[in-house]
Each structure stands twice: as C-alpha cells, then as structure tokens.
Amino acid sequence: MAYKPQGYTDLSPYLLVKDAEAVLQFCETVFGATRLRVFPSEQGGILHAECRIGDTVIMMGEAEGPAAMLHLYLADPDSAFDGALAAGATVLQPMMEKGDGDRRGGIRAPDGTQWYLARQIGSAPEA
C-alpha cells in the first residue's frame, strides 16, 4: 500500500478556519477546486475537509487558530485575483512583477486566509 492517497502531494497545507464550508465554496468559485473528502463533526460543522487545486491538496478543519498564508502558482493568476475580489476578498498586494521572475498579487479571503497568486514569467535573478 502506498504511503499517501493516489494523486496527493507529500505536503498539504492545513488550514484552521471558522467555516470550512465557506472556504470550500471560495476555493471552488475562485480557483476551480474539487472537493475530495469532507467529514462532518458531531456538532454539525466540518471536522476535516480536503479540496484539490491543480496538483495540490489543501486540508482544513474548523478550529480557532491563526490565519494561514498560501502561495499558489496558476496559469492565469490575474483572472483568479479578479475572481477572488468578486467573491469578497480584499487586496493585500496588487498583481505586479517585482523582478523575481514572477507576476504576483495577494488577497485576503473572507475567512482571513492570505493567498498570494503567481505565475512564473521569467527566470529568477541569480542570488
């Protein structure tokens, strides 16, 4: 038996959120995420949930905790950035090129999670 589910990456970001259903819906609307597994809690919320964005699985559970920050490479980050704003996100950093080989912008989702959306546009400068 494999040490991870088929199609999962070795590392999955894990979010502690107030409303996992809202986060799942945001990810589906903005990033085209696919729901994988959702386990309800005895209290009526969500104990554990997973969704896939591109080749990455994001896991989450409903609990108090610090907001998370995620960096996500996309084929079209500008469209996702606009979609995030339409879905209620706020701008942390406008989409821009900062000379590191990426075009990137940052948003804060309605649940407080920070997403930095990027696309590689050239080679990073030598360090």
Protein backbone atom coordinates (compact mmCIF):
# COMPACT_ATOMS: atom_id res chain seq x y z
CA MET A 1 0.00 0.00 0.00
CA ALA A 2 1.25 3.49 -0.84
CA TYR A 3 2.14 5.86 1.99
CA LYS A 4 -0.28 8.54 0.69
CA PRO A 5 -3.55 8.59 -1.26
CA GLN A 6 -3.13 8.41 -5.02
CA GLY A 7 -2.72 11.86 -6.52
CA TYR A 8 -1.76 13.57 -3.25
CA THR A 9 1.46 15.52 -2.91
CA ASP A 10 3.79 14.83 0.00
CA LEU A 11 2.98 18.12 1.69
CA SER A 12 -0.54 19.50 2.07
CA PRO A 13 -1.22 22.88 3.63
CA TYR A 14 -3.64 22.56 6.58
CA LEU A 15 -5.92 25.48 7.36
CA LEU A 16 -7.64 26.11 10.69
CA VAL A 17 -10.78 28.02 9.74
CA LYS A 18 -14.03 29.19 11.30
CA ASP A 19 -16.26 27.99 8.45
CA ALA A 20 -14.83 25.18 6.31
CA GLU A 21 -17.87 25.11 4.02
CA ALA A 22 -17.32 28.79 3.16
CA VAL A 23 -13.64 28.13 2.46
CA LEU A 24 -14.51 25.16 0.22
CA GLN A 25 -17.01 27.27 -1.70
CA PHE A 26 -14.47 30.11 -2.06
CA CYS A 27 -11.84 27.68 -3.38
CA GLU A 28 -14.33 26.15 -5.83
CA THR A 29 -15.54 29.54 -7.09
CA VAL A 30 -12.19 31.30 -7.36
CA PHE A 31 -9.68 28.52 -8.07
CA GLY A 32 -11.83 25.77 -9.61
CA ALA A 33 -11.12 23.47 -6.67
CA THR A 34 -12.53 19.96 -6.49
CA ARG A 35 -13.82 18.65 -3.16
CA LEU A 36 -12.24 15.41 -2.07
CA ARG A 37 -13.17 14.24 1.43
CA VAL A 38 -15.43 16.04 3.91
CA PHE A 39 -16.02 14.65 7.41
CA PRO A 40 -18.78 16.29 9.48
CA SER A 41 -18.31 16.93 13.18
CA GLU A 42 -20.76 15.78 15.84
CA GLN A 43 -21.56 19.47 16.49
CA GLY A 44 -22.84 19.96 12.93
CA GLY A 45 -19.81 21.67 11.40
CA ILE A 46 -16.92 20.15 9.49
CA LEU A 47 -14.27 18.19 11.39
CA HIS A 48 -11.97 17.73 8.38
CA ALA A 49 -12.21 18.58 4.69
CA GLU A 50 -9.97 18.39 1.64
CA CYS A 51 -10.04 20.00 -1.77
CA ARG A 52 -7.70 19.89 -4.75
CA ILE A 53 -6.47 22.99 -6.56
CA GLY A 54 -4.46 21.96 -9.58
CA ASP A 55 -1.99 19.37 -8.32
CA THR A 56 -2.22 20.35 -4.64
CA VAL A 57 -4.47 19.08 -1.88
CA ILE A 58 -5.47 21.58 0.79
CA MET A 59 -6.75 20.19 4.08
CA MET A 60 -8.75 22.11 6.66
CA GLY A 61 -10.60 21.80 9.91
CA GLU A 62 -12.85 24.11 11.88
CA ALA A 63 -10.94 25.47 14.85
CA GLU A 64 -9.66 28.74 16.25
CA GLY A 65 -6.18 29.48 15.10
CA PRO A 66 -4.01 31.91 13.20
CA ALA A 67 -4.87 32.87 9.65
CA ALA A 68 -2.85 30.94 7.09
CA MET A 69 -0.87 32.24 4.14
CA LEU A 70 -0.59 30.23 0.93
CA HIS A 71 1.37 30.76 -2.28
CA LEU A 72 -0.34 29.36 -5.36
CA TYR A 73 1.06 29.20 -8.88
CA LEU A 74 -1.68 29.45 -11.52
CA ALA A 75 -1.79 29.61 -15.31
CA ASP A 76 -3.91 32.79 -15.07
CA PRO A 77 -3.42 34.46 -11.68
CA ASP A 78 -4.94 37.73 -12.88
CA SER A 79 -8.31 36.10 -13.53
CA ALA A 80 -8.19 34.31 -10.18
CA PHE A 81 -7.25 37.59 -8.46
CA ASP A 82 -10.27 39.31 -10.03
CA GLY A 83 -12.48 36.35 -9.14
CA ALA A 84 -11.26 36.48 -5.54
CA LEU A 85 -12.18 40.15 -5.28
CA ALA A 86 -15.62 39.41 -6.72
CA ALA A 87 -16.01 36.65 -4.11
CA GLY A 88 -15.36 39.08 -1.25
CA ALA A 89 -11.58 39.05 -0.87
CA THR A 90 -9.58 42.21 -0.17
CA VAL A 91 -6.30 43.26 -1.80
CA LEU A 92 -3.08 42.78 0.15
CA GLN A 93 -0.80 43.38 -2.84
CA PRO A 94 -1.91 44.29 -6.38
CA MET A 95 -0.85 41.98 -9.20
CA MET A 96 2.66 43.05 -10.19
CA GLU A 97 6.10 41.98 -11.31
CA LYS A 98 8.77 42.63 -8.68
CA GLY A 99 11.82 41.41 -10.57
CA ASP A 100 11.95 37.93 -9.05
CA GLY A 101 10.73 36.10 -12.16
CA ASP A 102 7.07 36.01 -11.07
CA ARG A 103 3.95 38.09 -11.55
CA ARG A 104 2.19 38.02 -8.16
CA GLY A 105 -0.61 39.56 -6.16
CA GLY A 106 -2.01 38.95 -2.70
CA ILE A 107 -5.57 38.78 -1.39
CA ARG A 108 -7.18 38.14 1.97
CA ALA A 109 -10.15 35.76 1.65
CA PRO A 110 -13.29 36.48 3.68
CA ASP A 111 -12.17 33.93 6.30
CA GLY A 112 -8.82 35.74 6.81
CA THR A 113 -6.61 33.34 4.82
CA GLN A 114 -3.99 35.17 2.76
CA TRP A 115 -3.45 33.90 -0.77
CA TYR A 116 -0.57 35.01 -2.97
CA LEU A 117 -1.38 34.18 -6.60
CA ALA A 118 1.51 33.95 -9.04
CA ARG A 119 2.74 32.90 -12.45
CA GLN A 120 6.37 32.44 -13.41
CA ILE A 121 7.11 34.85 -16.24
CA GLY A 122 10.87 34.59 -16.46
CA SER A 123 13.94 33.33 -14.71
CA ALA A 124 14.63 34.48 -11.20
CA PRO A 125 17.78 36.58 -10.95
CA GLU A 126 20.92 34.90 -9.68
CA ALA A 127 21.40 35.19 -5.91
